Amino acid sequence: ADILGLEPGPVMTWTDMRALILEPDRELAQAIVEASLERK
């Protein structure tokens, strides 16, 4: 939470958290996570 500038605990959805990622990095970060989900 300190790193992200948020409160600790359950504070936001993963969808909202992804919106914090800067636009130039967002698509690549999402693709990497989605690929790991598919491959488990």
PDB file of all heavy atoms in Angstrom:
ATOM      1  N   ALA A   1       0.830  -1.203   0.000  1.00  0.00           N
ATOM      2  CA  ALA A   1       0.000   0.000   0.000  1.00  0.00           C
ATOM      3  C   ALA A   1       0.867   1.257   0.000  1.00  0.00           C
ATOM      4  O   ALA A   1       0.586   2.212  -0.733  1.00  0.00           O
ATOM      5  CB  ALA A   1      -0.929  -0.006   1.208  1.00  0.00           C
ATOM      6  N   ASP A   2       1.937   1.236   0.789  1.00  0.00           N
ATOM      7  CA  ASP A   2       2.850   2.373   0.849  1.00  0.00           C
ATOM      8  C   ASP A   2       3.502   2.619  -0.514  1.00  0.00           C
ATOM      9  O   ASP A   2       3.575   3.754  -0.986  1.00  0.00           O
ATOM     10  CB  ASP A   2       3.916   2.131   1.917  1.00  0.00           C
ATOM     11  CG  ASP A   2       4.824   3.317   2.110  1.00  0.00           C
ATOM     12  OD1 ASP A   2       4.309   4.447   2.291  1.00  0.00           O
ATOM     13  OD2 ASP A   2       6.059   3.127   2.076  1.00  0.00           O
ATOM     14  N   ILE A   3       3.950   1.571  -1.169  1.00  0.00           N
ATOM     15  CA  ILE A   3       4.572   1.685  -2.487  1.00  0.00           C
ATOM     16  C   ILE A   3       3.593   2.303  -3.487  1.00  0.00           C
ATOM     17  O   ILE A   3       3.957   3.178  -4.276  1.00  0.00           O
ATOM     18  CB  ILE A   3       5.047   0.304  -2.989  1.00  0.00           C
ATOM     19  CG1 ILE A   3       6.221  -0.201  -2.145  1.00  0.00           C
ATOM     20  CG2 ILE A   3       5.435   0.360  -4.469  1.00  0.00           C
ATOM     21  CD1 ILE A   3       6.556  -1.673  -2.364  1.00  0.00           C
ATOM     22  N   LEU A   4       2.354   1.848  -3.451  1.00  0.00           N
ATOM     23  CA  LEU A   4       1.342   2.301  -4.408  1.00  0.00           C
ATOM     24  C   LEU A   4       0.673   3.612  -4.021  1.00  0.00           C
ATOM     25  O   LEU A   4      -0.077   4.191  -4.809  1.00  0.00           O
ATOM     26  CB  LEU A   4       0.274   1.228  -4.592  1.00  0.00           C
ATOM     27  CG  LEU A   4       0.762  -0.101  -5.160  1.00  0.00           C
ATOM     28  CD1 LEU A   4      -0.360  -1.130  -5.129  1.00  0.00           C
ATOM     29  CD2 LEU A   4       1.287   0.076  -6.567  1.00  0.00           C
ATOM     30  N   GLY A   5       0.906   4.075  -2.794  1.00  0.00           N
ATOM     31  CA  GLY A   5       0.267   5.302  -2.338  1.00  0.00           C
ATOM     32  C   GLY A   5      -1.195   5.105  -1.992  1.00  0.00           C
ATOM     33  O   GLY A   5      -2.015   5.991  -2.192  1.00  0.00           O
ATOM     34  N   LEU A   6      -1.521   3.926  -1.470  1.00  0.00           N
ATOM     35  CA  LEU A   6      -2.894   3.588  -1.112  1.00  0.00           C
ATOM     36  C   LEU A   6      -2.967   3.156   0.347  1.00  0.00           C
ATOM     37  O   LEU A   6      -1.942   3.014   1.013  1.00  0.00           O
ATOM     38  CB  LEU A   6      -3.393   2.443  -2.006  1.00  0.00           C
ATOM     39  CG  LEU A   6      -3.399   2.722  -3.503  1.00  0.00           C
ATOM     40  CD1 LEU A   6      -3.598   1.434  -4.283  1.00  0.00           C
ATOM     41  CD2 LEU A   6      -4.485   3.737  -3.843  1.00  0.00           C
ATOM     42  N   GLU A   7      -4.158   2.907   0.842  1.00  0.00           N
ATOM     43  CA  GLU A   7      -4.352   2.378   2.183  1.00  0.00           C
ATOM     44  C   GLU A   7      -4.172   0.859   2.146  1.00  0.00           C
ATOM     45  O   GLU A   7      -4.521   0.224   1.153  1.00  0.00           O
ATOM     46  CB  GLU A   7      -5.748   2.707   2.699  1.00  0.00           C
ATOM     47  CG  GLU A   7      -5.985   4.187   2.920  1.00  0.00           C
ATOM     48  CD  GLU A   7      -5.106   4.772   3.996  1.00  0.00           C
ATOM     49  OE1 GLU A   7      -4.927   4.124   5.053  1.00  0.00           O
ATOM     50  OE2 GLU A   7      -4.574   5.882   3.793  1.00  0.00           O
ATOM     51  N   PRO A   8      -3.656   0.255   3.226  1.00  0.00           N
ATOM     52  CA  PRO A   8      -3.571  -1.211   3.259  1.00  0.00           C
ATOM     53  C   PRO A   8      -4.954  -1.834   3.372  1.00  0.00           C
ATOM     54  O   PRO A   8      -5.913  -1.173   3.762  1.00  0.00           O
ATOM     55  CB  PRO A   8      -2.737  -1.496   4.507  1.00  0.00           C
ATOM     56  CG  PRO A   8      -2.768  -0.261   5.320  1.00  0.00           C
ATOM     57  CD  PRO A   8      -3.091   0.879   4.403  1.00  0.00           C
ATOM     58  N   GLY A   9      -5.028  -3.106   3.019  1.00  0.00           N
ATOM     59  CA  GLY A   9      -6.289  -3.835   3.108  1.00  0.00           C
ATOM     60  C   GLY A   9      -6.969  -3.900   1.755  1.00  0.00           C
ATOM     61  O   GLY A   9      -6.371  -3.597   0.725  1.00  0.00           O
ATOM     62  N   PRO A  10      -8.250  -4.274   1.748  1.00  0.00           N
ATOM     63  CA  PRO A  10      -9.003  -4.351   0.485  1.00  0.00           C
ATOM     64  C   PRO A  10      -9.475  -2.961   0.072  1.00  0.00           C
ATOM     65  O   PRO A  10     -10.425  -2.438   0.631  1.00  0.00           O
ATOM     66  CB  PRO A  10     -10.164  -5.278   0.819  1.00  0.00           C
ATOM     67  CG  PRO A  10     -10.334  -5.159   2.294  1.00  0.00           C
ATOM     68  CD  PRO A  10      -8.992  -4.803   2.867  1.00  0.00           C
ATOM     69  N   VAL A  11      -8.777  -2.328  -0.858  1.00  0.00           N
ATOM     70  CA  VAL A  11      -9.060  -0.924  -1.167  1.00  0.00           C
ATOM     71  C   VAL A  11      -9.606  -0.653  -2.550  1.00  0.00           C
ATOM     72  O   VAL A  11     -10.205   0.393  -2.771  1.00  0.00           O
ATOM     73  CB  VAL A  11      -7.805  -0.053  -0.960  1.00  0.00           C
ATOM     74  CG1 VAL A  11      -7.401  -0.017   0.488  1.00  0.00           C
ATOM     75  CG2 VAL A  11      -6.658  -0.528  -1.817  1.00  0.00           C
ATOM     76  N   MET A  12      -9.377  -1.542  -3.505  1.00  0.00           N
ATOM     77  CA  MET A  12      -9.864  -1.298  -4.855  1.00  0.00           C
ATOM     78  C   MET A  12      -9.921  -2.605  -5.623  1.00  0.00           C
ATOM     79  O   MET A  12      -9.386  -3.609  -5.180  1.00  0.00           O
ATOM     80  CB  MET A  12      -8.991  -0.280  -5.605  1.00  0.00           C
ATOM     81  CG  MET A  12      -7.591  -0.738  -5.903  1.00  0.00           C
ATOM     82  SD  MET A  12      -6.564   0.405  -6.907  1.00  0.00           S
ATOM     83  CE  MET A  12      -7.150   1.992  -6.530  1.00  0.00           C
ATOM     84  N   THR A  13     -10.565  -2.546  -6.770  1.00  0.00           N
ATOM     85  CA  THR A  13     -10.621  -3.732  -7.609  1.00  0.00           C
ATOM     86  C   THR A  13      -9.337  -3.826  -8.429  1.00  0.00           C
ATOM     87  O   THR A  13      -8.620  -2.835  -8.612  1.00  0.00           O
ATOM     88  CB  THR A  13     -11.822  -3.680  -8.570  1.00  0.00           C
ATOM     89  OG1 THR A  13     -11.620  -2.622  -9.508  1.00  0.00           O
ATOM     90  CG2 THR A  13     -13.133  -3.523  -7.820  1.00  0.00           C
ATOM     91  N   TRP A  14      -9.070  -5.041  -8.928  1.00  0.00           N
ATOM     92  CA  TRP A  14      -7.917  -5.244  -9.801  1.00  0.00           C
ATOM     93  C   TRP A  14      -8.099  -4.405 -11.080  1.00  0.00           C
ATOM     94  O   TRP A  14      -7.151  -3.840 -11.604  1.00  0.00           O
ATOM     95  CB  TRP A  14      -7.766  -6.722 -10.114  1.00  0.00           C
ATOM     96  CG  TRP A  14      -6.725  -7.035 -11.140  1.00  0.00           C
ATOM     97  CD1 TRP A  14      -6.909  -7.731 -12.289  1.00  0.00           C
ATOM     98  CD2 TRP A  14      -5.338  -6.686 -11.118  1.00  0.00           C
ATOM     99  NE1 TRP A  14      -5.724  -7.825 -12.982  1.00  0.00           N
ATOM    100  CE2 TRP A  14      -4.747  -7.178 -12.286  1.00  0.00           C
ATOM    101  CE3 TRP A  14      -4.539  -5.962 -10.228  1.00  0.00           C
ATOM    102  CZ2 TRP A  14      -3.402  -7.003 -12.593  1.00  0.00           C
ATOM    103  CZ3 TRP A  14      -3.199  -5.785 -10.533  1.00  0.00           C
ATOM    104  CH2 TRP A  14      -2.639  -6.303 -11.692  1.00  0.00           C
ATOM    105  N   THR A  15      -9.326  -4.273 -11.547  1.00  0.00           N
ATOM    106  CA  THR A  15      -9.606  -3.452 -12.724  1.00  0.00           C
ATOM    107  C   THR A  15      -9.185  -2.008 -12.469  1.00  0.00           C
ATOM    108  O   THR A  15      -8.517  -1.392 -13.302  1.00  0.00           O
ATOM    109  CB  THR A  15     -11.108  -3.538 -13.083  1.00  0.00           C
ATOM    110  OG1 THR A  15     -11.438  -4.916 -13.296  1.00  0.00           O
ATOM    111  CG2 THR A  15     -11.441  -2.717 -14.305  1.00  0.00           C
ATOM    112  N   ASP A  16      -9.540  -1.463 -11.297  1.00  0.00           N
ATOM    113  CA  ASP A  16      -9.156  -0.096 -10.945  1.00  0.00           C
ATOM    114  C   ASP A  16      -7.646   0.017 -10.732  1.00  0.00           C
ATOM    115  O   ASP A  16      -7.031   1.024 -11.095  1.00  0.00           O
ATOM    116  CB  ASP A  16      -9.883   0.378  -9.689  1.00  0.00           C
ATOM    117  CG  ASP A  16     -11.371   0.579  -9.913  1.00  0.00           C
ATOM    118  OD1 ASP A  16     -11.774   0.792 -11.073  1.00  0.00           O
ATOM    119  OD2 ASP A  16     -12.124   0.513  -8.924  1.00  0.00           O
ATOM    120  N   MET A  17      -7.043  -1.015 -10.136  1.00  0.00           N
ATOM    121  CA  MET A  17      -5.609  -0.982  -9.887  1.00  0.00           C
ATOM    122  C   MET A  17      -4.827  -0.959 -11.203  1.00  0.00           C
ATOM    123  O   MET A  17      -3.837  -0.239 -11.327  1.00  0.00           O
ATOM    124  CB  MET A  17      -5.193  -2.183  -9.035  1.00  0.00           C
ATOM    125  CG  MET A  17      -3.856  -2.002  -8.375  1.00  0.00           C
ATOM    126  SD  MET A  17      -3.715  -3.192  -7.049  1.00  0.00           S
ATOM    127  CE  MET A  17      -2.062  -3.748  -7.338  1.00  0.00           C
ATOM    128  N   ARG A  18      -5.289  -1.717 -12.197  1.00  0.00           N
ATOM    129  CA  ARG A  18      -4.634  -1.702 -13.516  1.00  0.00           C
ATOM    130  C   ARG A  18      -4.666  -0.307 -14.122  1.00  0.00           C
ATOM    131  O   ARG A  18      -3.758   0.070 -14.872  1.00  0.00           O
ATOM    132  CB  ARG A  18      -5.311  -2.694 -14.459  1.00  0.00           C
ATOM    133  CG  ARG A  18      -4.867  -4.097 -14.268  1.00  0.00           C
ATOM    134  CD  ARG A  18      -5.267  -4.999 -15.435  1.00  0.00           C
ATOM    135  NE  ARG A  18      -6.608  -4.800 -15.928  1.00  0.00           N
ATOM    136  CZ  ARG A  18      -7.647  -5.573 -15.646  1.00  0.00           C
ATOM    137  NH1 ARG A  18      -7.506  -6.642 -14.900  1.00  0.00           N
ATOM    138  NH2 ARG A  18      -8.831  -5.311 -16.135  1.00  0.00           N
ATOM    139  N   ALA A  19      -5.688   0.475 -13.804  1.00  0.00           N
ATOM    140  CA  ALA A  19      -5.792   1.827 -14.346  1.00  0.00           C
ATOM    141  C   ALA A  19      -4.682   2.742 -13.821  1.00  0.00           C
ATOM    142  O   ALA A  19      -4.391   3.774 -14.431  1.00  0.00           O
ATOM    143  CB  ALA A  19      -7.164   2.422 -14.023  1.00  0.00           C
ATOM    144  N   LEU A  20      -4.023   2.364 -12.715  1.00  0.00           N
ATOM    145  CA  LEU A  20      -2.902   3.146 -12.200  1.00  0.00           C
ATOM    146  C   LEU A  20      -1.658   2.996 -13.078  1.00  0.00           C
ATOM    147  O   LEU A  20      -0.766   3.841 -13.062  1.00  0.00           O
ATOM    148  CB  LEU A  20      -2.534   2.705 -10.773  1.00  0.00           C
ATOM    149  CG  LEU A  20      -3.603   2.862  -9.696  1.00  0.00           C
ATOM    150  CD1 LEU A  20      -3.089   2.307  -8.376  1.00  0.00           C
ATOM    151  CD2 LEU A  20      -4.024   4.311  -9.552  1.00  0.00           C
ATOM    152  N   ILE A  21      -1.585   1.893 -13.838  1.00  0.00           N
ATOM    153  CA  ILE A  21      -0.427   1.643 -14.696  1.00  0.00           C
ATOM    154  C   ILE A  21      -0.430   2.662 -15.830  1.00  0.00           C
ATOM    155  O   ILE A  21      -1.459   2.899 -16.461  1.00  0.00           O
ATOM    156  CB  ILE A  21      -0.450   0.211 -15.264  1.00  0.00           C
ATOM    157  CG1 ILE A  21      -0.437  -0.823 -14.125  1.00  0.00           C
ATOM    158  CG2 ILE A  21       0.739  -0.018 -16.202  1.00  0.00           C
ATOM    159  CD1 ILE A  21      -0.637  -2.263 -14.588  1.00  0.00           C
ATOM    160  N   LEU A  22       0.733   3.263 -16.078  1.00  0.00           N
ATOM    161  CA  LEU A  22       0.821   4.241 -17.159  1.00  0.00           C
ATOM    162  C   LEU A  22       0.483   3.595 -18.495  1.00  0.00           C
ATOM    163  O   LEU A  22       0.855   2.448 -18.757  1.00  0.00           O
ATOM    164  CB  LEU A  22       2.219   4.857 -17.216  1.00  0.00           C
ATOM    165  CG  LEU A  22       2.646   5.684 -16.001  1.00  0.00           C
ATOM    166  CD1 LEU A  22       3.993   6.338 -16.274  1.00  0.00           C
ATOM    167  CD2 LEU A  22       1.615   6.727 -15.633  1.00  0.00           C
ATOM    168  N   GLU A  23      -0.195   4.342 -19.327  1.00  0.00           N
ATOM    169  CA  GLU A  23      -0.680   3.834 -20.616  1.00  0.00           C
ATOM    170  C   GLU A  23       0.400   3.128 -21.442  1.00  0.00           C
ATOM    171  O   GLU A  23       0.132   2.054 -21.974  1.00  0.00           O
ATOM    172  CB  GLU A  23      -1.316   4.979 -21.419  1.00  0.00           C
ATOM    173  CG  GLU A  23      -1.967   4.546 -22.704  1.00  0.00           C
ATOM    174  CD  GLU A  23      -3.165   3.637 -22.488  1.00  0.00           C
ATOM    175  OE1 GLU A  23      -3.934   3.865 -21.557  1.00  0.00           O
ATOM    176  OE2 GLU A  23      -3.313   2.699 -23.291  1.00  0.00           O
ATOM    177  N   PRO A  24       1.624   3.675 -21.556  1.00  0.00           N
ATOM    178  CA  PRO A  24       2.622   2.979 -22.378  1.00  0.00           C
ATOM    179  C   PRO A  24       3.000   1.585 -21.856  1.00  0.00           C
ATOM    180  O   PRO A  24       3.481   0.755 -22.615  1.00  0.00           O
ATOM    181  CB  PRO A  24       3.843   3.905 -22.340  1.00  0.00           C
ATOM    182  CG  PRO A  24       3.318   5.234 -21.925  1.00  0.00           C
ATOM    183  CD  PRO A  24       2.109   4.958 -21.069  1.00  0.00           C
ATOM    184  N   ASP A  25       2.771   1.323 -20.568  1.00  0.00           N
ATOM    185  CA  ASP A  25       3.152   0.046 -19.959  1.00  0.00           C
ATOM    186  C   ASP A  25       1.972  -0.907 -19.772  1.00  0.00           C
ATOM    187  O   ASP A  25       2.154  -2.103 -19.555  1.00  0.00           O
ATOM    188  CB  ASP A  25       3.781   0.278 -18.580  1.00  0.00           C
ATOM    189  CG  ASP A  25       5.013   1.160 -18.630  1.00  0.00           C
ATOM    190  OD1 ASP A  25       5.580   1.341 -19.730  1.00  0.00           O
ATOM    191  OD2 ASP A  25       5.412   1.674 -17.573  1.00  0.00           O
ATOM    192  N   ARG A  26       0.764  -0.389 -19.830  1.00  0.00           N
ATOM    193  CA  ARG A  26      -0.428  -1.147 -19.439  1.00  0.00           C
ATOM    194  C   ARG A  26      -0.675  -2.383 -20.302  1.00  0.00           C
ATOM    195  O   ARG A  26      -0.917  -3.469 -19.797  1.00  0.00           O
ATOM    196  CB  ARG A  26      -1.653  -0.237 -19.465  1.00  0.00           C
ATOM    197  CG  ARG A  26      -2.872  -0.855 -18.814  1.00  0.00           C
ATOM    198  CD  ARG A  26      -4.040   0.100 -18.767  1.00  0.00           C
ATOM    199  NE  ARG A  26      -3.670   1.297 -18.009  1.00  0.00           N
ATOM    200  CZ  ARG A  26      -4.087   2.513 -18.324  1.00  0.00           C
ATOM    201  NH1 ARG A  26      -4.879   2.719 -19.352  1.00  0.00           N
ATOM    202  NH2 ARG A  26      -3.706   3.551 -17.605  1.00  0.00           N
ATOM    203  N   GLU A  27      -0.598  -2.230 -21.614  1.00  0.00           N
ATOM    204  CA  GLU A  27      -0.909  -3.343 -22.515  1.00  0.00           C
ATOM    205  C   GLU A  27       0.081  -4.499 -22.329  1.00  0.00           C
ATOM    206  O   GLU A  27      -0.326  -5.661 -22.252  1.00  0.00           O
ATOM    207  CB  GLU A  27      -0.893  -2.862 -23.965  1.00  0.00           C
ATOM    208  CG  GLU A  27      -1.404  -3.885 -24.943  1.00  0.00           C
ATOM    209  CD  GLU A  27      -1.498  -3.320 -26.346  1.00  0.00           C
ATOM    210  OE1 GLU A  27      -2.038  -2.213 -26.523  1.00  0.00           O
ATOM    211  OE2 GLU A  27      -1.010  -4.007 -27.258  1.00  0.00           O
ATOM    212  N   LEU A  28       1.372  -4.185 -22.238  1.00  0.00           N
ATOM    213  CA  LEU A  28       2.372  -5.230 -22.051  1.00  0.00           C
ATOM    214  C   LEU A  28       2.179  -5.938 -20.708  1.00  0.00           C
ATOM    215  O   LEU A  28       2.214  -7.168 -20.636  1.00  0.00           O
ATOM    216  CB  LEU A  28       3.783  -4.670 -22.142  1.00  0.00           C
ATOM    217  CG  LEU A  28       4.905  -5.667 -21.863  1.00  0.00           C
ATOM    218  CD1 LEU A  28       4.896  -6.806 -22.879  1.00  0.00           C
ATOM    219  CD2 LEU A  28       6.252  -4.964 -21.845  1.00  0.00           C
ATOM    220  N   ALA A  29       1.955  -5.162 -19.627  1.00  0.00           N
ATOM    221  CA  ALA A  29       1.768  -5.763 -18.301  1.00  0.00           C
ATOM    222  C   ALA A  29       0.556  -6.693 -18.309  1.00  0.00           C
ATOM    223  O   ALA A  29       0.620  -7.818 -17.792  1.00  0.00           O
ATOM    224  CB  ALA A  29       1.596  -4.670 -17.246  1.00  0.00           C
ATOM    225  N   GLN A  30      -0.532  -6.267 -18.906  1.00  0.00           N
ATOM    226  CA  GLN A  30      -1.733  -7.097 -18.948  1.00  0.00           C
ATOM    227  C   GLN A  30      -1.495  -8.351 -19.770  1.00  0.00           C
ATOM    228  O   GLN A  30      -1.920  -9.442 -19.391  1.00  0.00           O
ATOM    229  CB  GLN A  30      -2.922  -6.319 -19.498  1.00  0.00           C
ATOM    230  CG  GLN A  30      -4.195  -7.136 -19.462  1.00  0.00           C
ATOM    231  CD  GLN A  30      -5.443  -6.289 -19.509  1.00  0.00           C
ATOM    232  OE1 GLN A  30      -5.401  -5.090 -19.277  1.00  0.00           O
ATOM    233  NE2 GLN A  30      -6.551  -6.908 -19.804  1.00  0.00           N
ATOM    234  N   ALA A  31      -0.788  -8.233 -20.892  1.00  0.00           N
ATOM    235  CA  ALA A  31      -0.513  -9.399 -21.737  1.00  0.00           C
ATOM    236  C   ALA A  31       0.340 -10.429 -20.997  1.00  0.00           C
ATOM    237  O   ALA A  31       0.091 -11.637 -21.097  1.00  0.00           O
ATOM    238  CB  ALA A  31       0.190  -8.959 -23.021  1.00  0.00           C
ATOM    239  N   ILE A  32       1.317  -9.964 -20.229  1.00  0.00           N
ATOM    240  CA  ILE A  32       2.179 -10.881 -19.472  1.00  0.00           C
ATOM    241  C   ILE A  32       1.372 -11.619 -18.415  1.00  0.00           C
ATOM    242  O   ILE A  32       1.495 -12.836 -18.249  1.00  0.00           O
ATOM    243  CB  ILE A  32       3.371 -10.118 -18.862  1.00  0.00           C
ATOM    244  CG1 ILE A  32       4.339  -9.716 -19.982  1.00  0.00           C
ATOM    245  CG2 ILE A  32       4.079 -10.948 -17.797  1.00  0.00           C
ATOM    246  CD1 ILE A  32       5.443  -8.778 -19.556  1.00  0.00           C
ATOM    247  N   VAL A  33       0.523 -10.899 -17.691  1.00  0.00           N
ATOM    248  CA  VAL A  33      -0.293 -11.530 -16.649  1.00  0.00           C
ATOM    249  C   VAL A  33      -1.293 -12.506 -17.275  1.00  0.00           C
ATOM    250  O   VAL A  33      -1.465 -13.633 -16.792  1.00  0.00           O
ATOM    251  CB  VAL A  33      -1.006 -10.467 -15.784  1.00  0.00           C
ATOM    252  CG1 VAL A  33      -2.014 -11.115 -14.850  1.00  0.00           C
ATOM    253  CG2 VAL A  33       0.024  -9.662 -14.988  1.00  0.00           C
ATOM    254  N   GLU A  34      -1.947 -12.102 -18.354  1.00  0.00           N
ATOM    255  CA  GLU A  34      -2.926 -12.992 -18.998  1.00  0.00           C
ATOM    256  C   GLU A  34      -2.263 -14.256 -19.539  1.00  0.00           C
ATOM    257  O   GLU A  34      -2.829 -15.344 -19.434  1.00  0.00           O
ATOM    258  CB  GLU A  34      -3.660 -12.245 -20.105  1.00  0.00           C
ATOM    259  CG  GLU A  34      -4.664 -11.243 -19.565  1.00  0.00           C
ATOM    260  CD  GLU A  34      -5.332 -10.419 -20.644  1.00  0.00           C
ATOM    261  OE1 GLU A  34      -5.010 -10.582 -21.843  1.00  0.00           O
ATOM    262  OE2 GLU A  34      -6.192  -9.599 -20.279  1.00  0.00           O
ATOM    263  N   ALA A  35      -1.056 -14.135 -20.092  1.00  0.00           N
ATOM    264  CA  ALA A  35      -0.333 -15.315 -20.586  1.00  0.00           C
ATOM    265  C   ALA A  35      -0.005 -16.262 -19.435  1.00  0.00           C
ATOM    266  O   ALA A  35      -0.099 -17.484 -19.579  1.00  0.00           O
ATOM    267  CB  ALA A  35       0.938 -14.896 -21.312  1.00  0.00           C
ATOM    268  N   SER A  36       0.351 -15.706 -18.276  1.00  0.00           N
ATOM    269  CA  SER A  36       0.661 -16.566 -17.126  1.00  0.00           C
ATOM    270  C   SER A  36      -0.596 -17.275 -16.620  1.00  0.00           C
ATOM    271  O   SER A  36      -0.531 -18.422 -16.173  1.00  0.00           O
ATOM    272  CB  SER A  36       1.327 -15.774 -15.999  1.00  0.00           C
ATOM    273  OG  SER A  36       0.394 -15.077 -15.226  1.00  0.00           O
ATOM    274  N   LEU A  37      -1.749 -16.607 -16.712  1.00  0.00           N
ATOM    275  CA  LEU A  37      -3.002 -17.248 -16.315  1.00  0.00           C
ATOM    276  C   LEU A  37      -3.308 -18.434 -17.229  1.00  0.00           C
ATOM    277  O   LEU A  37      -3.708 -19.499 -16.748  1.00  0.00           O
ATOM    278  CB  LEU A  37      -4.161 -16.244 -16.369  1.00  0.00           C
ATOM    279  CG  LEU A  37      -4.171 -15.153 -15.308  1.00  0.00           C
ATOM    280  CD1 LEU A  37      -5.253 -14.132 -15.615  1.00  0.00           C
ATOM    281  CD2 LEU A  37      -4.346 -15.735 -13.928  1.00  0.00           C
ATOM    282  N   GLU A  38      -3.118 -18.248 -18.514  1.00  0.00           N
ATOM    283  CA  GLU A  38      -3.378 -19.330 -19.461  1.00  0.00           C
ATOM    284  C   GLU A  38      -2.436 -20.511 -19.238  1.00  0.00           C
ATOM    285  O   GLU A  38      -2.850 -21.659 -19.326  1.00  0.00           O
ATOM    286  CB  GLU A  38      -3.238 -18.816 -20.896  1.00  0.00           C
ATOM    287  CG  GLU A  38      -4.361 -17.902 -21.320  1.00  0.00           C
ATOM    288  CD  GLU A  38      -4.148 -17.329 -22.714  1.00  0.00           C
ATOM    289  OE1 GLU A  38      -3.388 -17.923 -23.502  1.00  0.00           O
ATOM    290  OE2 GLU A  38      -4.754 -16.277 -23.002  1.00  0.00           O
ATOM    291  N   ARG A  39      -1.165 -20.214 -18.974  1.00  0.00           N
ATOM    292  CA  ARG A  39      -0.166 -21.268 -18.781  1.00  0.00           C
ATOM    293  C   ARG A  39      -0.175 -21.823 -17.360  1.00  0.00           C
ATOM    294  O   ARG A  39       0.500 -22.795 -17.071  1.00  0.00           O
ATOM    295  CB  ARG A  39       1.238 -20.733 -19.080  1.00  0.00           C
ATOM    296  CG  ARG A  39       1.468 -20.357 -20.515  1.00  0.00           C
ATOM    297  CD  ARG A  39       2.932 -19.978 -20.783  1.00  0.00           C
ATOM    298  NE  ARG A  39       3.650 -19.383 -19.662  1.00  0.00           N
ATOM    299  CZ  ARG A  39       3.755 -18.067 -19.427  1.00  0.00           C
ATOM    300  NH1 ARG A  39       3.191 -17.203 -20.234  1.00  0.00           N
ATOM    301  NH2 ARG A  39       4.441 -17.626 -18.392  1.00  0.00           N
ATOM    302  N   LYS A  40      -0.888 -21.128 -16.456  1.00  0.00           N
ATOM    303  CA  LYS A  40      -0.866 -21.478 -15.028  1.00  0.00           C
ATOM    304  C   LYS A  40       0.569 -21.511 -14.522  1.00  0.00           C
ATOM    305  O   LYS A  40       1.008 -22.434 -13.837  1.00  0.00           O
ATOM    306  CB  LYS A  40      -1.590 -22.801 -14.766  1.00  0.00           C
ATOM    307  CG  LYS A  40      -3.056 -22.733 -15.108  1.00  0.00           C
ATOM    308  CD  LYS A  40      -3.784 -23.999 -14.800  1.00  0.00           C
ATOM    309  CE  LYS A  40      -5.239 -23.801 -15.174  1.00  0.00           C
ATOM    310  NZ  LYS A  40      -6.014 -24.987 -15.098  1.00  0.00           N
TER     311      LYS A  40
END
